[in-house]
N, C-alpha and C. Protein backbone atom coordinates (compact mmCIF):
# COMPACT_ATOMS: atom_id res chain seq x y z
N UNK A 1 -4.49 -15.05 11.79
CA UNK A 1 -4.70 -14.21 10.62
C UNK A 1 -4.22 -14.96 9.38
N UNK A 2 -5.01 -14.95 8.34
CA UNK A 2 -4.69 -15.65 7.11
C UNK A 2 -3.54 -14.96 6.39
N UNK A 3 -2.63 -15.80 5.86
CA UNK A 3 -1.51 -15.25 5.10
C UNK A 3 -2.06 -14.64 3.81
N UNK A 4 -1.48 -13.54 3.41
CA UNK A 4 -1.88 -12.89 2.16
C UNK A 4 -1.19 -13.57 0.99
N UNK A 5 -1.78 -13.42 -0.20
CA UNK A 5 -1.13 -13.91 -1.40
C UNK A 5 -1.29 -12.89 -2.53
N UNK A 6 -0.46 -13.04 -3.53
CA UNK A 6 -0.42 -12.11 -4.66
C UNK A 6 -1.79 -11.96 -5.32
N UNK A 7 -2.47 -13.06 -5.51
CA UNK A 7 -3.73 -13.05 -6.24
C UNK A 7 -4.81 -12.24 -5.52
N UNK A 8 -4.84 -12.29 -4.20
CA UNK A 8 -5.91 -11.65 -3.44
C UNK A 8 -5.51 -10.31 -2.83
N UNK A 9 -4.25 -9.94 -2.93
CA UNK A 9 -3.78 -8.71 -2.28
C UNK A 9 -4.50 -7.45 -2.78
N UNK A 10 -4.72 -7.29 -4.09
CA UNK A 10 -5.43 -6.08 -4.53
C UNK A 10 -6.81 -5.93 -3.91
N UNK A 11 -7.55 -7.02 -3.81
CA UNK A 11 -8.87 -6.96 -3.19
C UNK A 11 -8.78 -6.65 -1.71
N UNK A 12 -7.71 -7.13 -1.06
CA UNK A 12 -7.50 -6.80 0.35
C UNK A 12 -7.25 -5.30 0.53
N UNK A 13 -6.46 -4.73 -0.37
CA UNK A 13 -6.25 -3.28 -0.32
C UNK A 13 -7.58 -2.54 -0.44
N UNK A 14 -8.38 -2.97 -1.40
CA UNK A 14 -9.68 -2.32 -1.62
C UNK A 14 -10.55 -2.40 -0.38
N UNK A 15 -10.57 -3.57 0.25
CA UNK A 15 -11.44 -3.80 1.39
C UNK A 15 -10.93 -3.17 2.69
N UNK A 16 -9.63 -3.09 2.86
CA UNK A 16 -9.06 -2.71 4.16
C UNK A 16 -8.58 -1.27 4.27
N UNK A 17 -8.32 -0.62 3.17
CA UNK A 17 -7.78 0.74 3.21
C UNK A 17 -8.92 1.73 2.96
N UNK A 18 -9.34 2.45 4.01
CA UNK A 18 -10.45 3.38 3.86
C UNK A 18 -10.21 4.40 2.74
N UNK A 19 -11.18 4.52 1.86
CA UNK A 19 -11.10 5.47 0.75
C UNK A 19 -10.45 4.94 -0.51
N UNK A 20 -9.73 3.83 -0.39
CA UNK A 20 -9.02 3.30 -1.56
C UNK A 20 -9.93 2.57 -2.51
N UNK A 21 -11.13 2.20 -2.07
CA UNK A 21 -12.06 1.49 -2.94
C UNK A 21 -12.37 2.31 -4.19
N UNK A 22 -12.48 3.61 -4.05
CA UNK A 22 -12.75 4.48 -5.19
C UNK A 22 -11.60 4.43 -6.19
N UNK A 23 -10.36 4.48 -5.70
CA UNK A 23 -9.18 4.41 -6.55
C UNK A 23 -9.12 3.06 -7.25
N UNK A 24 -9.38 2.00 -6.52
CA UNK A 24 -9.40 0.65 -7.07
C UNK A 24 -10.43 0.55 -8.20
N UNK A 25 -11.64 1.03 -7.92
CA UNK A 25 -12.70 0.96 -8.93
C UNK A 25 -12.35 1.76 -10.18
N UNK A 26 -11.76 2.93 -10.01
CA UNK A 26 -11.31 3.73 -11.17
C UNK A 26 -10.25 2.98 -11.96
N UNK A 27 -9.34 2.34 -11.26
CA UNK A 27 -8.27 1.56 -11.88
C UNK A 27 -8.87 0.46 -12.77
N UNK A 28 -9.84 -0.27 -12.22
CA UNK A 28 -10.47 -1.36 -12.97
C UNK A 28 -11.25 -0.81 -14.17
N UNK A 29 -11.94 0.30 -13.99
CA UNK A 29 -12.66 0.89 -15.12
C UNK A 29 -11.69 1.31 -16.23
N UNK A 30 -10.57 1.85 -15.86
CA UNK A 30 -9.61 2.32 -16.86
C UNK A 30 -8.92 1.16 -17.59
N UNK A 31 -8.47 0.16 -16.84
CA UNK A 31 -7.69 -0.94 -17.43
C UNK A 31 -8.52 -2.18 -17.76
N UNK A 32 -9.77 -2.21 -17.35
CA UNK A 32 -10.64 -3.38 -17.54
C UNK A 32 -10.14 -4.62 -16.81
N UNK A 33 -9.28 -4.43 -15.86
CA UNK A 33 -8.74 -5.51 -15.04
C UNK A 33 -7.90 -4.90 -13.94
N UNK A 34 -7.44 -5.72 -13.02
CA UNK A 34 -6.51 -5.25 -11.99
C UNK A 34 -5.09 -5.56 -12.44
N UNK A 35 -4.28 -4.54 -12.50
CA UNK A 35 -2.85 -4.68 -12.78
C UNK A 35 -2.14 -4.39 -11.46
N UNK A 36 -1.76 -5.43 -10.71
CA UNK A 36 -1.26 -5.23 -9.36
C UNK A 36 -0.10 -4.25 -9.24
N UNK A 37 0.86 -4.29 -10.15
CA UNK A 37 2.01 -3.39 -10.04
C UNK A 37 1.58 -1.94 -10.28
N UNK A 38 0.69 -1.73 -11.20
CA UNK A 38 0.17 -0.38 -11.46
C UNK A 38 -0.69 0.08 -10.27
N UNK A 39 -1.48 -0.83 -9.72
CA UNK A 39 -2.34 -0.50 -8.59
C UNK A 39 -1.52 -0.04 -7.38
N UNK A 40 -0.36 -0.65 -7.16
CA UNK A 40 0.49 -0.22 -6.05
C UNK A 40 1.03 1.18 -6.30
N UNK A 41 1.29 1.53 -7.55
CA UNK A 41 1.65 2.91 -7.87
C UNK A 41 0.50 3.85 -7.58
N UNK A 42 -0.73 3.41 -7.87
CA UNK A 42 -1.91 4.20 -7.52
C UNK A 42 -2.01 4.38 -6.01
N UNK A 43 -1.65 3.34 -5.26
CA UNK A 43 -1.70 3.43 -3.81
C UNK A 43 -0.71 4.47 -3.29
N UNK A 44 0.49 4.51 -3.86
CA UNK A 44 1.47 5.52 -3.46
C UNK A 44 0.88 6.91 -3.66
N UNK A 45 0.29 7.15 -4.82
CA UNK A 45 -0.31 8.47 -5.11
C UNK A 45 -1.46 8.77 -4.15
N UNK A 46 -2.29 7.78 -3.87
CA UNK A 46 -3.41 7.95 -2.95
C UNK A 46 -2.90 8.33 -1.56
N UNK A 47 -1.88 7.63 -1.07
CA UNK A 47 -1.36 7.93 0.27
C UNK A 47 -0.72 9.30 0.32
N UNK A 48 -0.02 9.69 -0.72
CA UNK A 48 0.55 11.05 -0.76
C UNK A 48 -0.55 12.10 -0.66
N UNK A 49 -1.60 11.90 -1.42
CA UNK A 49 -2.72 12.83 -1.41
C UNK A 49 -3.38 12.88 -0.03
N UNK A 50 -3.59 11.73 0.56
CA UNK A 50 -4.20 11.68 1.90
C UNK A 50 -3.32 12.36 2.94
N UNK A 51 -2.02 12.15 2.86
CA UNK A 51 -1.10 12.79 3.80
C UNK A 51 -1.15 14.31 3.65
N UNK A 52 -1.15 14.78 2.43
CA UNK A 52 -1.19 16.23 2.19
C UNK A 52 -2.49 16.86 2.69
N UNK A 53 -3.58 16.16 2.48
CA UNK A 53 -4.90 16.72 2.83
C UNK A 53 -5.26 16.53 4.30
N UNK A 54 -4.83 15.41 4.88
CA UNK A 54 -5.36 15.06 6.20
C UNK A 54 -4.31 14.74 7.26
N UNK A 55 -3.05 14.65 6.89
CA UNK A 55 -2.01 14.34 7.86
C UNK A 55 -1.88 12.85 8.14
N UNK A 56 -0.97 12.55 9.02
CA UNK A 56 -0.58 11.16 9.28
C UNK A 56 -1.56 10.37 10.13
N UNK A 57 -2.50 11.02 10.72
CA UNK A 57 -3.41 10.31 11.62
C UNK A 57 -4.55 9.62 10.89
N UNK A 58 -4.63 9.76 9.59
CA UNK A 58 -5.69 9.10 8.83
C UNK A 58 -5.56 7.59 8.95
N UNK A 59 -6.67 6.94 9.18
CA UNK A 59 -6.63 5.49 9.33
C UNK A 59 -6.20 4.79 8.05
N UNK A 60 -6.45 5.42 6.88
CA UNK A 60 -6.06 4.78 5.62
C UNK A 60 -4.55 4.55 5.57
N UNK A 61 -3.77 5.49 6.08
CA UNK A 61 -2.32 5.34 6.08
C UNK A 61 -1.92 4.15 6.96
N UNK A 62 -2.47 4.09 8.14
CA UNK A 62 -2.11 3.01 9.06
C UNK A 62 -2.59 1.65 8.55
N UNK A 63 -3.78 1.62 7.98
CA UNK A 63 -4.29 0.35 7.44
C UNK A 63 -3.45 -0.10 6.25
N UNK A 64 -3.10 0.83 5.37
CA UNK A 64 -2.29 0.49 4.19
C UNK A 64 -0.92 -0.02 4.61
N UNK A 65 -0.29 0.67 5.54
CA UNK A 65 1.04 0.26 5.96
C UNK A 65 1.01 -1.09 6.66
N UNK A 66 -0.02 -1.34 7.46
CA UNK A 66 -0.13 -2.64 8.12
C UNK A 66 -0.30 -3.76 7.09
N UNK A 67 -1.11 -3.51 6.08
CA UNK A 67 -1.33 -4.53 5.05
C UNK A 67 -0.07 -4.74 4.21
N UNK A 68 0.62 -3.67 3.87
CA UNK A 68 1.87 -3.79 3.12
C UNK A 68 2.93 -4.54 3.92
N UNK A 69 2.97 -4.27 5.21
CA UNK A 69 3.92 -4.99 6.05
C UNK A 69 3.60 -6.48 6.08
N UNK A 70 2.33 -6.81 6.18
CA UNK A 70 1.93 -8.22 6.12
C UNK A 70 2.31 -8.83 4.78
N UNK A 71 2.20 -8.04 3.71
CA UNK A 71 2.60 -8.52 2.39
C UNK A 71 4.08 -8.84 2.34
N UNK A 72 4.89 -8.02 2.98
CA UNK A 72 6.33 -8.28 3.01
C UNK A 72 6.68 -9.51 3.83
N UNK A 73 5.83 -9.84 4.79
CA UNK A 73 6.06 -11.01 5.64
C UNK A 73 5.41 -12.27 5.08
N UNK A 74 4.71 -12.16 3.98
CA UNK A 74 3.99 -13.28 3.39
C UNK A 74 4.95 -14.37 2.89
N UNK A 75 4.45 -15.58 2.88
CA UNK A 75 5.20 -16.70 2.31
C UNK A 75 5.21 -16.63 0.78
N UNK A 76 4.34 -15.82 0.20
CA UNK A 76 4.20 -15.70 -1.25
C UNK A 76 5.28 -14.75 -1.80
N UNK A 77 6.25 -15.32 -2.51
CA UNK A 77 7.37 -14.51 -3.02
C UNK A 77 6.91 -13.48 -4.05
N UNK A 78 5.85 -13.79 -4.82
CA UNK A 78 5.33 -12.81 -5.78
C UNK A 78 4.75 -11.60 -5.07
N UNK A 79 4.12 -11.82 -3.93
CA UNK A 79 3.57 -10.70 -3.16
C UNK A 79 4.69 -9.87 -2.54
N UNK A 80 5.69 -10.51 -1.99
CA UNK A 80 6.83 -9.77 -1.44
C UNK A 80 7.48 -8.91 -2.52
N UNK A 81 7.63 -9.48 -3.71
CA UNK A 81 8.21 -8.73 -4.83
C UNK A 81 7.31 -7.56 -5.22
N UNK A 82 6.00 -7.78 -5.25
CA UNK A 82 5.06 -6.71 -5.59
C UNK A 82 5.22 -5.52 -4.65
N UNK A 83 5.24 -5.78 -3.36
CA UNK A 83 5.35 -4.69 -2.38
C UNK A 83 6.71 -4.00 -2.51
N UNK A 84 7.76 -4.78 -2.69
CA UNK A 84 9.10 -4.21 -2.78
C UNK A 84 9.28 -3.39 -4.06
N UNK A 85 8.92 -3.97 -5.18
CA UNK A 85 9.17 -3.32 -6.47
C UNK A 85 8.16 -2.21 -6.77
N UNK A 86 6.92 -2.43 -6.43
CA UNK A 86 5.89 -1.50 -6.87
C UNK A 86 5.44 -0.52 -5.80
N UNK A 87 5.87 -0.69 -4.58
CA UNK A 87 5.55 0.30 -3.56
C UNK A 87 6.82 0.92 -3.02
N UNK A 88 7.65 0.14 -2.37
CA UNK A 88 8.84 0.69 -1.73
C UNK A 88 9.79 1.34 -2.73
N UNK A 89 9.93 0.76 -3.90
CA UNK A 89 10.87 1.31 -4.89
C UNK A 89 10.40 2.65 -5.45
N UNK A 90 9.12 2.98 -5.27
CA UNK A 90 8.61 4.25 -5.77
C UNK A 90 8.81 5.39 -4.78
N UNK A 91 9.38 5.08 -3.62
CA UNK A 91 9.59 6.08 -2.58
C UNK A 91 11.06 6.45 -2.51
N UNK A 92 11.32 7.69 -2.13
CA UNK A 92 12.68 8.08 -1.83
C UNK A 92 12.68 8.66 -0.42
N UNK A 93 13.84 8.80 0.21
CA UNK A 93 13.88 9.25 1.60
C UNK A 93 13.20 10.60 1.86
N UNK A 94 13.05 11.44 0.86
CA UNK A 94 12.38 12.71 1.06
C UNK A 94 10.87 12.64 0.82
N UNK A 95 10.37 11.49 0.42
CA UNK A 95 8.96 11.32 0.12
C UNK A 95 8.12 11.38 1.39
N UNK A 96 6.95 12.01 1.31
CA UNK A 96 6.06 12.14 2.47
C UNK A 96 5.63 10.77 3.00
N UNK A 97 5.35 9.85 2.11
CA UNK A 97 4.91 8.51 2.53
C UNK A 97 6.06 7.79 3.22
N UNK A 98 7.26 7.91 2.67
CA UNK A 98 8.44 7.30 3.30
C UNK A 98 8.63 7.84 4.70
N UNK A 99 8.56 9.14 4.84
CA UNK A 99 8.74 9.77 6.16
C UNK A 99 7.65 9.33 7.14
N UNK A 100 6.41 9.24 6.68
CA UNK A 100 5.33 8.79 7.54
C UNK A 100 5.55 7.34 7.96
N UNK A 101 6.04 6.50 7.05
CA UNK A 101 6.33 5.11 7.37
C UNK A 101 7.45 5.03 8.40
N UNK A 102 8.47 5.85 8.22
CA UNK A 102 9.60 5.85 9.15
C UNK A 102 9.12 6.24 10.55
N UNK A 103 8.31 7.27 10.63
CA UNK A 103 7.80 7.69 11.93
C UNK A 103 6.90 6.63 12.55
N UNK A 104 6.18 5.92 11.73
CA UNK A 104 5.30 4.87 12.23
C UNK A 104 6.08 3.59 12.55
N UNK A 105 7.35 3.54 12.12
CA UNK A 105 8.17 2.36 12.37
C UNK A 105 7.76 1.16 11.54
N UNK A 106 7.12 1.43 10.41
CA UNK A 106 6.59 0.36 9.57
C UNK A 106 7.46 0.18 8.33
N UNK A 107 7.53 -1.03 7.85
CA UNK A 107 8.19 -1.40 6.60
C UNK A 107 9.67 -1.07 6.58
N UNK A 108 10.21 -0.66 7.69
CA UNK A 108 11.61 -0.31 7.74
C UNK A 108 12.36 -1.21 8.72
N UNK A 109 11.68 -2.25 9.17
CA UNK A 109 12.32 -3.18 10.09
C UNK A 109 12.29 -2.72 11.54
N UNK A 110 11.63 -1.63 11.82
CA UNK A 110 11.54 -1.11 13.18
C UNK A 110 10.19 -1.46 13.76
N UNK A 111 10.12 -1.48 15.05
CA UNK A 111 8.85 -1.69 15.73
C UNK A 111 8.72 -0.59 16.79
N UNK A 112 7.52 0.01 16.88
CA UNK A 112 7.33 1.03 17.92
C UNK A 112 7.41 0.44 19.30
């Protein structure tokens, strides 16, 4: 599997997370470009909405968490910082996305 990098990560999110392409496209229309740190905030909101509407079994949650985990394991320090600062830092222990990640054993150093 190819290592992810900061430059291509937003497009990977668009391609790999079911339903996120619409959010990505709206983001680009609004900002006229991709702002990776803002886009990760959009991802947090998207996942919260998906969890509320459809529960934890949605493939978008699992795909997003797998991609974010790969981002944290990347050799690209800018990508690791992006995931840490713009995704993980926006969550608190009571957050639905945080709880879903904990149960999935993702991004918390646990493995199922």
